[in-house]
């Protein structure tokens, strides 16, 4: 049974902002990678950068709130010894090969994803900046192996984001449908209606 305190209003707002950010970044990133005739690329690039800033600002605020907010929850994301032991059983469960292991608010694979995503976002911002300013950041591009490698790395990370988000959406709708109601409306759905 979940309740609104599992995901306070601030968490839900931050989650919603990220939903919009990742959607716009994915679509604009796709058009930057594969431009189509008639699409105003200057607008696409500007939107891509604007929403990258939104993502970074939202991430910084969420990180701060995790440690100093009213409902600080940084400890919910820290891997414990039990989490490490539950990684393989959790993978087996997701592959329909085992039972659901006992976990806390987040299972170990969720924790790994939630730890990895801010790191990947920083790498995306850095590689995106190199791609946007290749002349000014040429030495940084060389550190990564050249501008083509930077572009490939940026594109690859985008697909990792898409994979994580797709799995997240699939699991929410198959494993924890009540969380959809909770994240968007602050309430849980029950057979007799919305509580």
N, C-alpha and C. Protein backbone atom coordinates (compact mmCIF):
# COMPACT_ATOMS: atom_id res chain seq x y z
N UNK A 1 0.85 -1.19 0.00
CA UNK A 1 0.00 0.00 0.00
C UNK A 1 0.89 1.24 0.00
N UNK A 2 0.61 2.16 -0.92
CA UNK A 2 1.39 3.39 -1.00
C UNK A 2 0.54 4.55 -0.54
N UNK A 3 1.19 5.62 -0.13
CA UNK A 3 0.45 6.82 0.22
C UNK A 3 1.21 8.03 -0.29
N UNK A 4 0.58 9.18 -0.19
CA UNK A 4 1.15 10.40 -0.76
C UNK A 4 2.49 10.76 -0.14
N UNK A 5 2.74 10.34 1.12
CA UNK A 5 4.02 10.65 1.74
C UNK A 5 5.17 9.85 1.12
N UNK A 6 4.84 8.76 0.39
CA UNK A 6 5.89 8.03 -0.33
C UNK A 6 6.48 8.91 -1.42
N UNK A 7 5.66 9.78 -1.98
CA UNK A 7 6.10 10.72 -3.01
C UNK A 7 5.42 12.06 -2.75
N UNK A 8 6.04 12.89 -1.89
CA UNK A 8 5.44 14.19 -1.57
C UNK A 8 5.28 15.06 -2.82
N UNK A 9 4.52 16.13 -2.68
CA UNK A 9 4.22 17.02 -3.79
C UNK A 9 5.48 17.50 -4.50
N UNK A 10 6.51 17.87 -3.76
CA UNK A 10 7.74 18.35 -4.40
C UNK A 10 8.32 17.27 -5.31
N UNK A 11 8.36 16.02 -4.85
CA UNK A 11 8.88 14.91 -5.67
C UNK A 11 8.06 14.74 -6.94
N UNK A 12 6.75 14.85 -6.80
CA UNK A 12 5.87 14.66 -7.94
C UNK A 12 6.04 15.78 -8.97
N UNK A 13 6.20 17.01 -8.48
CA UNK A 13 6.42 18.14 -9.40
C UNK A 13 7.75 17.97 -10.13
N UNK A 14 8.79 17.61 -9.38
CA UNK A 14 10.11 17.38 -9.98
C UNK A 14 10.05 16.26 -11.02
N UNK A 15 9.33 15.20 -10.69
CA UNK A 15 9.16 14.07 -11.61
C UNK A 15 8.45 14.53 -12.88
N UNK A 16 7.39 15.33 -12.74
CA UNK A 16 6.66 15.84 -13.90
C UNK A 16 7.51 16.73 -14.78
N UNK A 17 8.32 17.58 -14.15
CA UNK A 17 9.22 18.45 -14.90
C UNK A 17 10.21 17.60 -15.70
N UNK A 18 10.74 16.55 -15.05
CA UNK A 18 11.67 15.66 -15.76
C UNK A 18 10.99 14.92 -16.91
N UNK A 19 9.75 14.55 -16.73
CA UNK A 19 9.00 13.90 -17.80
C UNK A 19 8.98 14.79 -19.04
N UNK A 20 8.65 16.06 -18.84
CA UNK A 20 8.62 17.02 -19.95
C UNK A 20 10.02 17.24 -20.51
N UNK A 21 11.00 17.42 -19.62
CA UNK A 21 12.38 17.65 -20.06
C UNK A 21 12.89 16.52 -20.94
N UNK A 22 12.74 15.28 -20.46
CA UNK A 22 13.27 14.15 -21.22
C UNK A 22 12.54 13.98 -22.55
N UNK A 23 11.24 14.24 -22.57
CA UNK A 23 10.49 14.12 -23.82
C UNK A 23 11.01 15.13 -24.85
N UNK A 24 11.11 16.41 -24.44
CA UNK A 24 11.56 17.46 -25.37
C UNK A 24 13.01 17.22 -25.79
N UNK A 25 13.86 16.85 -24.83
CA UNK A 25 15.26 16.59 -25.17
C UNK A 25 15.40 15.42 -26.14
N UNK A 26 14.61 14.37 -25.93
CA UNK A 26 14.66 13.22 -26.83
C UNK A 26 14.22 13.57 -28.24
N UNK A 27 13.10 14.28 -28.35
CA UNK A 27 12.58 14.64 -29.68
C UNK A 27 13.52 15.62 -30.38
N UNK A 28 13.92 16.68 -29.68
CA UNK A 28 14.81 17.66 -30.32
C UNK A 28 16.18 17.04 -30.62
N UNK A 29 16.65 16.19 -29.72
CA UNK A 29 17.93 15.51 -29.97
C UNK A 29 17.87 14.63 -31.20
N UNK A 30 16.72 13.96 -31.37
CA UNK A 30 16.56 13.12 -32.56
C UNK A 30 16.62 13.96 -33.84
N UNK A 31 15.94 15.13 -33.83
CA UNK A 31 15.95 15.98 -35.03
C UNK A 31 17.31 16.64 -35.26
N UNK A 32 18.05 16.88 -34.20
CA UNK A 32 19.40 17.41 -34.38
C UNK A 32 20.28 16.33 -35.01
N UNK A 33 20.10 15.09 -34.56
CA UNK A 33 20.89 13.98 -35.11
C UNK A 33 20.47 13.65 -36.55
N UNK A 34 19.16 13.71 -36.82
CA UNK A 34 18.63 13.37 -38.14
C UNK A 34 17.70 14.49 -38.61
N UNK A 35 18.27 15.61 -39.09
CA UNK A 35 17.44 16.74 -39.51
C UNK A 35 16.52 16.37 -40.69
N UNK A 36 15.35 16.98 -40.71
CA UNK A 36 14.39 16.78 -41.79
C UNK A 36 14.13 18.12 -42.48
N UNK A 37 13.92 18.09 -43.80
CA UNK A 37 13.65 19.35 -44.52
C UNK A 37 12.42 20.06 -43.94
N UNK A 38 12.52 21.36 -43.84
CA UNK A 38 11.40 22.15 -43.37
C UNK A 38 11.35 22.37 -41.87
N UNK A 39 12.19 21.65 -41.12
CA UNK A 39 12.21 21.82 -39.67
C UNK A 39 13.21 22.94 -39.33
N UNK A 40 12.77 23.96 -38.61
CA UNK A 40 13.68 25.07 -38.26
C UNK A 40 14.71 24.62 -37.22
N UNK A 41 15.90 24.28 -37.70
CA UNK A 41 16.92 23.69 -36.83
C UNK A 41 17.39 24.65 -35.72
N UNK A 42 17.36 25.95 -36.00
CA UNK A 42 17.77 26.90 -34.97
C UNK A 42 16.81 26.80 -33.77
N UNK A 43 15.50 26.70 -34.06
CA UNK A 43 14.51 26.55 -33.00
C UNK A 43 14.71 25.23 -32.26
N UNK A 44 14.97 24.16 -33.02
CA UNK A 44 15.17 22.84 -32.42
C UNK A 44 16.37 22.87 -31.48
N UNK A 45 17.48 23.44 -31.93
CA UNK A 45 18.68 23.52 -31.08
C UNK A 45 18.43 24.37 -29.83
N UNK A 46 17.74 25.51 -30.02
CA UNK A 46 17.46 26.37 -28.87
C UNK A 46 16.58 25.66 -27.85
N UNK A 47 15.55 24.96 -28.32
CA UNK A 47 14.69 24.19 -27.40
C UNK A 47 15.51 23.12 -26.68
N UNK A 48 16.41 22.47 -27.42
CA UNK A 48 17.24 21.43 -26.83
C UNK A 48 18.07 22.01 -25.69
N UNK A 49 18.67 23.18 -25.90
CA UNK A 49 19.49 23.78 -24.86
C UNK A 49 18.65 24.31 -23.70
N UNK A 50 17.52 24.91 -24.01
CA UNK A 50 16.65 25.43 -22.95
C UNK A 50 16.22 24.29 -22.02
N UNK A 51 15.80 23.16 -22.61
CA UNK A 51 15.32 22.06 -21.77
C UNK A 51 16.47 21.32 -21.10
N UNK A 52 17.67 21.40 -21.66
CA UNK A 52 18.83 20.87 -20.95
C UNK A 52 19.08 21.68 -19.68
N UNK A 53 18.93 23.01 -19.79
CA UNK A 53 19.08 23.86 -18.60
C UNK A 53 17.99 23.54 -17.58
N UNK A 54 16.75 23.37 -18.04
CA UNK A 54 15.66 22.99 -17.13
C UNK A 54 15.97 21.69 -16.42
N UNK A 55 16.49 20.72 -17.17
CA UNK A 55 16.83 19.41 -16.58
C UNK A 55 17.91 19.56 -15.52
N UNK A 56 18.95 20.33 -15.84
CA UNK A 56 20.05 20.50 -14.90
C UNK A 56 19.59 21.27 -13.64
N UNK A 57 18.82 22.32 -13.83
CA UNK A 57 18.33 23.09 -12.69
C UNK A 57 17.43 22.23 -11.81
N UNK A 58 16.51 21.51 -12.45
CA UNK A 58 15.62 20.62 -11.71
C UNK A 58 16.43 19.55 -10.96
N UNK A 59 17.46 19.03 -11.60
CA UNK A 59 18.30 18.02 -10.97
C UNK A 59 19.04 18.56 -9.75
N UNK A 60 19.56 19.77 -9.87
CA UNK A 60 20.28 20.39 -8.74
C UNK A 60 19.32 20.63 -7.58
N UNK A 61 18.14 21.16 -7.88
CA UNK A 61 17.15 21.42 -6.83
C UNK A 61 16.72 20.11 -6.17
N UNK A 62 16.47 19.08 -6.99
CA UNK A 62 16.04 17.78 -6.45
C UNK A 62 17.14 17.17 -5.59
N UNK A 63 18.39 17.29 -6.04
CA UNK A 63 19.53 16.77 -5.27
C UNK A 63 19.61 17.47 -3.91
N UNK A 64 19.50 18.79 -3.93
CA UNK A 64 19.53 19.57 -2.69
C UNK A 64 18.38 19.15 -1.77
N UNK A 65 17.19 19.03 -2.34
CA UNK A 65 16.01 18.65 -1.56
C UNK A 65 16.17 17.26 -0.95
N UNK A 66 16.86 16.37 -1.65
CA UNK A 66 17.08 15.01 -1.14
C UNK A 66 17.82 15.01 0.19
N UNK A 67 18.68 16.00 0.36
CA UNK A 67 19.48 16.07 1.58
C UNK A 67 18.94 17.05 2.61
N UNK A 68 18.30 18.13 2.17
CA UNK A 68 17.93 19.20 3.10
C UNK A 68 16.45 19.55 3.09
N UNK A 69 15.64 18.89 2.27
CA UNK A 69 14.22 19.20 2.18
C UNK A 69 13.43 18.64 3.35
N UNK A 70 12.18 19.02 3.42
CA UNK A 70 11.29 18.57 4.49
C UNK A 70 11.18 17.05 4.51
N UNK A 71 11.11 16.44 3.32
CA UNK A 71 11.01 14.98 3.21
C UNK A 71 12.29 14.42 2.61
N UNK A 72 13.43 14.79 3.18
CA UNK A 72 14.70 14.33 2.61
C UNK A 72 14.70 12.81 2.47
N UNK A 73 15.19 12.36 1.31
CA UNK A 73 15.10 10.93 1.01
C UNK A 73 16.37 10.36 0.39
N UNK A 74 17.50 11.05 0.59
CA UNK A 74 18.76 10.58 0.00
C UNK A 74 19.06 9.14 0.37
N UNK A 75 18.69 8.75 1.61
CA UNK A 75 18.99 7.39 2.06
C UNK A 75 18.17 6.33 1.32
N UNK A 76 17.09 6.73 0.66
CA UNK A 76 16.28 5.78 -0.12
C UNK A 76 17.02 5.30 -1.36
N UNK A 77 18.04 6.06 -1.79
CA UNK A 77 18.75 5.75 -3.03
C UNK A 77 20.10 5.07 -2.80
N UNK A 78 20.50 4.95 -1.54
CA UNK A 78 21.80 4.35 -1.23
C UNK A 78 21.69 2.83 -1.25
N UNK A 79 22.60 2.20 -1.98
CA UNK A 79 22.62 0.74 -2.04
C UNK A 79 23.14 0.16 -0.74
N UNK A 80 22.40 -0.78 -0.19
CA UNK A 80 22.84 -1.47 1.03
C UNK A 80 23.37 -2.86 0.66
N UNK A 81 23.90 -3.55 1.65
CA UNK A 81 24.35 -4.93 1.42
C UNK A 81 23.21 -5.82 0.96
N UNK A 82 22.02 -5.61 1.52
CA UNK A 82 20.85 -6.39 1.11
C UNK A 82 20.48 -6.10 -0.33
N UNK A 83 20.64 -4.83 -0.75
CA UNK A 83 20.36 -4.47 -2.13
C UNK A 83 21.30 -5.20 -3.09
N UNK A 84 22.58 -5.24 -2.73
CA UNK A 84 23.56 -5.92 -3.58
C UNK A 84 23.18 -7.39 -3.74
N UNK A 85 22.78 -8.03 -2.64
CA UNK A 85 22.37 -9.43 -2.70
C UNK A 85 21.08 -9.61 -3.51
N UNK A 86 20.25 -8.57 -3.56
CA UNK A 86 18.96 -8.67 -4.25
C UNK A 86 19.04 -8.32 -5.74
N UNK A 87 20.20 -7.88 -6.21
CA UNK A 87 20.31 -7.48 -7.63
C UNK A 87 19.97 -8.65 -8.54
N UNK A 88 20.64 -9.80 -8.35
CA UNK A 88 20.41 -10.94 -9.23
C UNK A 88 18.97 -11.47 -9.09
N UNK A 89 18.44 -11.66 -7.88
CA UNK A 89 17.04 -12.07 -7.77
C UNK A 89 16.08 -11.08 -8.43
N UNK A 90 16.39 -9.78 -8.37
CA UNK A 90 15.52 -8.78 -9.01
C UNK A 90 15.58 -8.92 -10.53
N UNK A 91 16.78 -9.15 -11.07
CA UNK A 91 16.92 -9.38 -12.52
C UNK A 91 16.13 -10.62 -12.91
N UNK A 92 16.27 -11.69 -12.13
CA UNK A 92 15.53 -12.93 -12.43
C UNK A 92 14.03 -12.69 -12.39
N UNK A 93 13.58 -11.89 -11.45
CA UNK A 93 12.15 -11.58 -11.36
C UNK A 93 11.69 -10.83 -12.61
N UNK A 94 12.46 -9.85 -13.04
CA UNK A 94 12.09 -9.08 -14.23
C UNK A 94 12.11 -9.94 -15.49
N UNK A 95 12.92 -10.98 -15.49
CA UNK A 95 12.99 -11.90 -16.64
C UNK A 95 12.00 -13.07 -16.50
N UNK A 96 11.10 -12.98 -15.50
CA UNK A 96 10.09 -14.01 -15.23
C UNK A 96 10.71 -15.36 -14.86
N UNK A 97 11.87 -15.30 -14.18
CA UNK A 97 12.58 -16.52 -13.81
C UNK A 97 12.63 -16.74 -12.30
N UNK A 98 12.02 -15.85 -11.53
CA UNK A 98 12.06 -15.99 -10.07
C UNK A 98 11.01 -15.15 -9.41
N UNK A 99 10.96 -15.29 -8.08
CA UNK A 99 9.99 -14.54 -7.29
C UNK A 99 10.51 -13.13 -7.02
N UNK A 100 9.56 -12.26 -6.69
CA UNK A 100 9.93 -10.88 -6.37
C UNK A 100 10.66 -10.86 -5.03
N UNK A 101 11.90 -10.36 -5.02
CA UNK A 101 12.63 -10.30 -3.74
C UNK A 101 12.09 -9.19 -2.85
N UNK A 102 12.32 -9.32 -1.56
CA UNK A 102 11.93 -8.28 -0.61
C UNK A 102 12.84 -7.07 -0.81
N UNK A 103 12.22 -5.90 -0.99
CA UNK A 103 13.00 -4.67 -1.16
C UNK A 103 12.33 -3.57 -0.38
N UNK A 104 13.01 -2.45 -0.31
CA UNK A 104 12.44 -1.27 0.35
C UNK A 104 11.61 -0.47 -0.64
N UNK A 105 11.59 0.83 -0.44
CA UNK A 105 10.82 1.72 -1.32
C UNK A 105 11.25 1.54 -2.77
N UNK A 106 12.54 1.44 -3.01
CA UNK A 106 13.08 1.21 -4.35
C UNK A 106 13.87 -0.08 -4.35
N UNK A 107 13.76 -0.85 -5.43
CA UNK A 107 14.56 -2.07 -5.53
C UNK A 107 15.96 -1.69 -6.00
N UNK A 108 16.92 -2.63 -5.92
CA UNK A 108 18.31 -2.26 -6.24
C UNK A 108 18.52 -1.79 -7.67
N UNK A 109 17.76 -2.32 -8.62
CA UNK A 109 17.92 -1.87 -10.01
C UNK A 109 17.38 -0.46 -10.19
N UNK A 110 16.31 -0.13 -9.49
CA UNK A 110 15.82 1.25 -9.50
C UNK A 110 16.88 2.18 -8.92
N UNK A 111 17.46 1.78 -7.80
CA UNK A 111 18.48 2.63 -7.17
C UNK A 111 19.65 2.85 -8.11
N UNK A 112 20.08 1.79 -8.78
CA UNK A 112 21.20 1.93 -9.73
C UNK A 112 20.83 2.90 -10.85
N UNK A 113 19.60 2.77 -11.36
CA UNK A 113 19.15 3.67 -12.43
C UNK A 113 19.07 5.11 -11.94
N UNK A 114 18.53 5.30 -10.72
CA UNK A 114 18.37 6.65 -10.19
C UNK A 114 19.71 7.29 -9.83
N UNK A 115 20.71 6.47 -9.54
CA UNK A 115 22.07 6.98 -9.30
C UNK A 115 22.74 7.31 -10.63
N UNK A 116 22.52 6.44 -11.63
CA UNK A 116 23.17 6.61 -12.93
C UNK A 116 22.63 7.79 -13.72
N UNK A 117 21.33 8.05 -13.61
CA UNK A 117 20.72 9.08 -14.48
C UNK A 117 21.30 10.49 -14.28
N UNK A 118 21.52 10.95 -13.05
CA UNK A 118 22.14 12.28 -12.93
C UNK A 118 23.57 12.32 -13.48
N UNK A 119 24.29 11.23 -13.32
CA UNK A 119 25.66 11.16 -13.86
C UNK A 119 25.61 11.21 -15.38
N UNK A 120 24.67 10.45 -15.97
CA UNK A 120 24.52 10.46 -17.42
C UNK A 120 24.06 11.83 -17.91
N UNK A 121 23.21 12.50 -17.14
CA UNK A 121 22.75 13.84 -17.53
C UNK A 121 23.92 14.82 -17.57
N UNK A 122 24.82 14.71 -16.60
CA UNK A 122 26.01 15.58 -16.60
C UNK A 122 26.90 15.28 -17.81
N UNK A 123 27.07 14.00 -18.13
CA UNK A 123 27.86 13.63 -19.31
C UNK A 123 27.19 14.13 -20.58
N UNK A 124 25.85 14.05 -20.63
CA UNK A 124 25.12 14.55 -21.79
C UNK A 124 25.31 16.06 -21.93
N UNK A 125 25.24 16.77 -20.82
CA UNK A 125 25.43 18.23 -20.86
C UNK A 125 26.83 18.57 -21.34
N UNK A 126 27.82 17.86 -20.83
CA UNK A 126 29.21 18.12 -21.21
C UNK A 126 29.45 17.80 -22.68
N UNK A 127 29.02 16.62 -23.13
CA UNK A 127 29.24 16.25 -24.54
C UNK A 127 28.41 17.15 -25.46
N UNK A 128 27.21 17.53 -25.01
CA UNK A 128 26.39 18.45 -25.81
C UNK A 128 27.04 19.81 -25.96
N UNK A 129 27.66 20.28 -24.90
CA UNK A 129 28.37 21.57 -24.95
C UNK A 129 29.56 21.49 -25.90
N UNK A 130 30.26 20.37 -25.87
CA UNK A 130 31.39 20.19 -26.80
C UNK A 130 30.89 20.20 -28.24
N UNK A 131 29.75 19.54 -28.49
CA UNK A 131 29.20 19.52 -29.85
C UNK A 131 28.71 20.90 -30.28
N UNK A 132 28.22 21.68 -29.33
CA UNK A 132 27.72 23.02 -29.64
C UNK A 132 28.85 24.02 -29.86
N UNK A 133 29.95 23.84 -29.13
CA UNK A 133 31.10 24.75 -29.23
C UNK A 133 32.37 23.97 -29.55
N UNK A 134 32.42 23.28 -30.68
CA UNK A 134 33.59 22.42 -30.97
C UNK A 134 34.89 23.20 -31.11
N UNK A 135 34.82 24.44 -31.63
CA UNK A 135 36.03 25.24 -31.78
C UNK A 135 36.61 25.66 -30.44
N UNK A 136 35.75 26.11 -29.55
CA UNK A 136 36.21 26.58 -28.24
C UNK A 136 36.59 25.44 -27.31
N UNK A 137 35.99 24.27 -27.52
CA UNK A 137 36.24 23.13 -26.62
C UNK A 137 36.93 21.98 -27.36
N UNK A 138 37.77 22.34 -28.33
CA UNK A 138 38.44 21.31 -29.14
C UNK A 138 39.36 20.42 -28.30
N UNK A 139 40.05 21.00 -27.31
CA UNK A 139 40.94 20.19 -26.47
C UNK A 139 40.14 19.17 -25.66
N UNK A 140 38.95 19.57 -25.22
CA UNK A 140 38.07 18.65 -24.48
C UNK A 140 37.55 17.56 -25.42
N UNK A 141 37.24 17.95 -26.66
CA UNK A 141 36.79 16.96 -27.65
C UNK A 141 37.89 15.94 -27.91
N UNK A 142 39.12 16.38 -27.97
CA UNK A 142 40.26 15.48 -28.21
C UNK A 142 40.40 14.51 -27.05
N UNK A 143 40.15 15.00 -25.83
CA UNK A 143 40.20 14.14 -24.64
C UNK A 143 39.24 12.97 -24.76
N UNK A 144 38.07 13.23 -25.36
CA UNK A 144 37.06 12.19 -25.56
C UNK A 144 37.37 11.30 -26.76
N UNK A 145 38.35 11.69 -27.59
CA UNK A 145 38.68 10.91 -28.78
C UNK A 145 38.27 11.56 -30.07
N UNK A 146 37.93 12.84 -30.04
CA UNK A 146 37.54 13.55 -31.25
C UNK A 146 36.04 13.83 -31.28
N UNK A 147 35.66 14.75 -32.16
CA UNK A 147 34.27 15.20 -32.21
C UNK A 147 33.33 14.08 -32.64
N UNK A 148 33.77 13.18 -33.51
CA UNK A 148 32.90 12.07 -33.93
C UNK A 148 32.62 11.13 -32.76
N UNK A 149 33.63 10.91 -31.93
CA UNK A 149 33.45 10.06 -30.75
C UNK A 149 32.51 10.73 -29.75
N UNK A 150 32.66 12.04 -29.58
CA UNK A 150 31.78 12.79 -28.68
C UNK A 150 30.33 12.67 -29.17
N UNK A 151 30.13 12.85 -30.49
CA UNK A 151 28.78 12.74 -31.05
C UNK A 151 28.21 11.34 -30.82
N UNK A 152 29.03 10.32 -31.06
CA UNK A 152 28.58 8.94 -30.84
C UNK A 152 28.26 8.66 -29.38
N UNK A 153 29.08 9.19 -28.49
CA UNK A 153 28.86 9.01 -27.05
C UNK A 153 27.56 9.68 -26.61
N UNK A 154 27.35 10.90 -27.10
CA UNK A 154 26.14 11.65 -26.78
C UNK A 154 24.90 10.89 -27.27
N UNK A 155 24.98 10.36 -28.46
CA UNK A 155 23.88 9.60 -29.06
C UNK A 155 23.63 8.30 -28.29
N UNK A 156 24.71 7.62 -27.91
CA UNK A 156 24.61 6.37 -27.17
C UNK A 156 23.93 6.58 -25.81
N UNK A 157 24.33 7.64 -25.10
CA UNK A 157 23.73 7.93 -23.80
C UNK A 157 22.24 8.23 -23.96
N UNK A 158 21.88 8.90 -25.06
CA UNK A 158 20.45 9.16 -25.30
C UNK A 158 19.68 7.84 -25.34
N UNK A 159 20.25 6.82 -26.01
CA UNK A 159 19.56 5.53 -26.10
C UNK A 159 19.51 4.82 -24.76
N UNK A 160 20.51 5.03 -23.92
CA UNK A 160 20.45 4.46 -22.57
C UNK A 160 19.31 5.12 -21.79
N UNK A 161 19.20 6.45 -21.90
CA UNK A 161 18.08 7.15 -21.26
C UNK A 161 16.74 6.61 -21.76
N UNK A 162 16.62 6.44 -23.07
CA UNK A 162 15.37 5.94 -23.65
C UNK A 162 15.07 4.54 -23.11
N UNK A 163 16.09 3.71 -23.00
CA UNK A 163 15.89 2.34 -22.49
C UNK A 163 15.43 2.37 -21.03
N UNK A 164 16.11 3.16 -20.20
CA UNK A 164 15.75 3.24 -18.77
C UNK A 164 14.33 3.78 -18.61
N UNK A 165 14.01 4.84 -19.33
CA UNK A 165 12.68 5.44 -19.21
C UNK A 165 11.61 4.49 -19.73
N UNK A 166 11.88 3.80 -20.83
CA UNK A 166 10.91 2.84 -21.38
C UNK A 166 10.65 1.70 -20.39
N UNK A 167 11.71 1.18 -19.81
CA UNK A 167 11.55 0.10 -18.81
C UNK A 167 10.79 0.63 -17.60
N UNK A 168 11.11 1.84 -17.18
CA UNK A 168 10.43 2.48 -16.05
C UNK A 168 8.93 2.58 -16.31
N UNK A 169 8.57 3.08 -17.48
CA UNK A 169 7.14 3.25 -17.82
C UNK A 169 6.47 1.89 -17.89
N UNK A 170 7.11 0.91 -18.53
CA UNK A 170 6.53 -0.43 -18.62
C UNK A 170 6.29 -1.01 -17.22
N UNK A 171 7.29 -0.92 -16.35
CA UNK A 171 7.16 -1.50 -15.02
C UNK A 171 6.12 -0.77 -14.17
N UNK A 172 6.02 0.54 -14.33
CA UNK A 172 5.01 1.27 -13.57
C UNK A 172 3.62 0.79 -13.96
N UNK A 173 3.39 0.61 -15.26
CA UNK A 173 2.05 0.21 -15.71
C UNK A 173 1.77 -1.27 -15.48
N UNK A 174 2.80 -2.09 -15.32
CA UNK A 174 2.56 -3.52 -15.09
C UNK A 174 2.74 -3.93 -13.64
N UNK A 175 3.60 -3.26 -12.91
CA UNK A 175 3.92 -3.65 -11.55
C UNK A 175 3.32 -2.74 -10.48
N UNK A 176 3.14 -1.48 -10.81
CA UNK A 176 2.72 -0.53 -9.77
C UNK A 176 1.83 0.54 -10.37
N UNK A 177 0.73 0.11 -10.95
CA UNK A 177 -0.16 1.04 -11.63
C UNK A 177 -0.67 2.14 -10.71
N UNK A 178 -0.83 1.81 -9.43
CA UNK A 178 -1.32 2.84 -8.49
C UNK A 178 -0.35 4.01 -8.38
N UNK A 179 0.92 3.78 -8.73
CA UNK A 179 1.91 4.86 -8.67
C UNK A 179 1.64 5.92 -9.73
N UNK A 180 0.99 5.54 -10.85
CA UNK A 180 0.65 6.52 -11.88
C UNK A 180 -0.29 7.56 -11.27
N UNK A 181 -1.32 7.07 -10.59
CA UNK A 181 -2.28 7.98 -9.94
C UNK A 181 -1.58 8.80 -8.87
N UNK A 182 -0.72 8.16 -8.11
CA UNK A 182 -0.03 8.85 -7.02
C UNK A 182 0.87 9.96 -7.57
N UNK A 183 1.66 9.65 -8.60
CA UNK A 183 2.61 10.63 -9.14
C UNK A 183 1.91 11.80 -9.82
N UNK A 184 0.78 11.55 -10.47
CA UNK A 184 0.11 12.63 -11.19
C UNK A 184 -0.98 13.33 -10.39
N UNK A 185 -1.62 12.61 -9.48
CA UNK A 185 -2.77 13.18 -8.78
C UNK A 185 -2.62 13.19 -7.25
N UNK A 186 -1.57 12.56 -6.73
CA UNK A 186 -1.36 12.53 -5.29
C UNK A 186 -2.29 11.59 -4.55
N UNK A 187 -2.98 10.72 -5.30
CA UNK A 187 -3.90 9.75 -4.70
C UNK A 187 -3.66 8.40 -5.35
N UNK A 188 -4.15 7.36 -4.70
CA UNK A 188 -4.04 6.02 -5.27
C UNK A 188 -5.40 5.57 -5.77
N UNK A 189 -5.37 4.73 -6.79
CA UNK A 189 -6.60 4.20 -7.37
C UNK A 189 -6.95 2.89 -6.70
N UNK A 190 -8.22 2.70 -6.42
CA UNK A 190 -8.71 1.44 -5.84
C UNK A 190 -9.87 0.96 -6.68
N UNK A 191 -10.26 -0.27 -6.50
CA UNK A 191 -11.36 -0.84 -7.27
C UNK A 191 -12.65 -0.05 -7.07
N UNK A 192 -12.82 0.53 -5.89
CA UNK A 192 -14.06 1.26 -5.60
C UNK A 192 -13.92 2.74 -5.98
N UNK A 193 -12.91 3.07 -6.70
CA UNK A 193 -12.74 4.46 -7.13
C UNK A 193 -11.43 5.01 -6.64
N UNK A 194 -11.30 6.29 -6.70
CA UNK A 194 -10.06 6.94 -6.29
C UNK A 194 -10.16 7.36 -4.84
N UNK A 195 -9.16 6.99 -4.08
CA UNK A 195 -9.14 7.34 -2.65
C UNK A 195 -8.66 8.76 -2.46
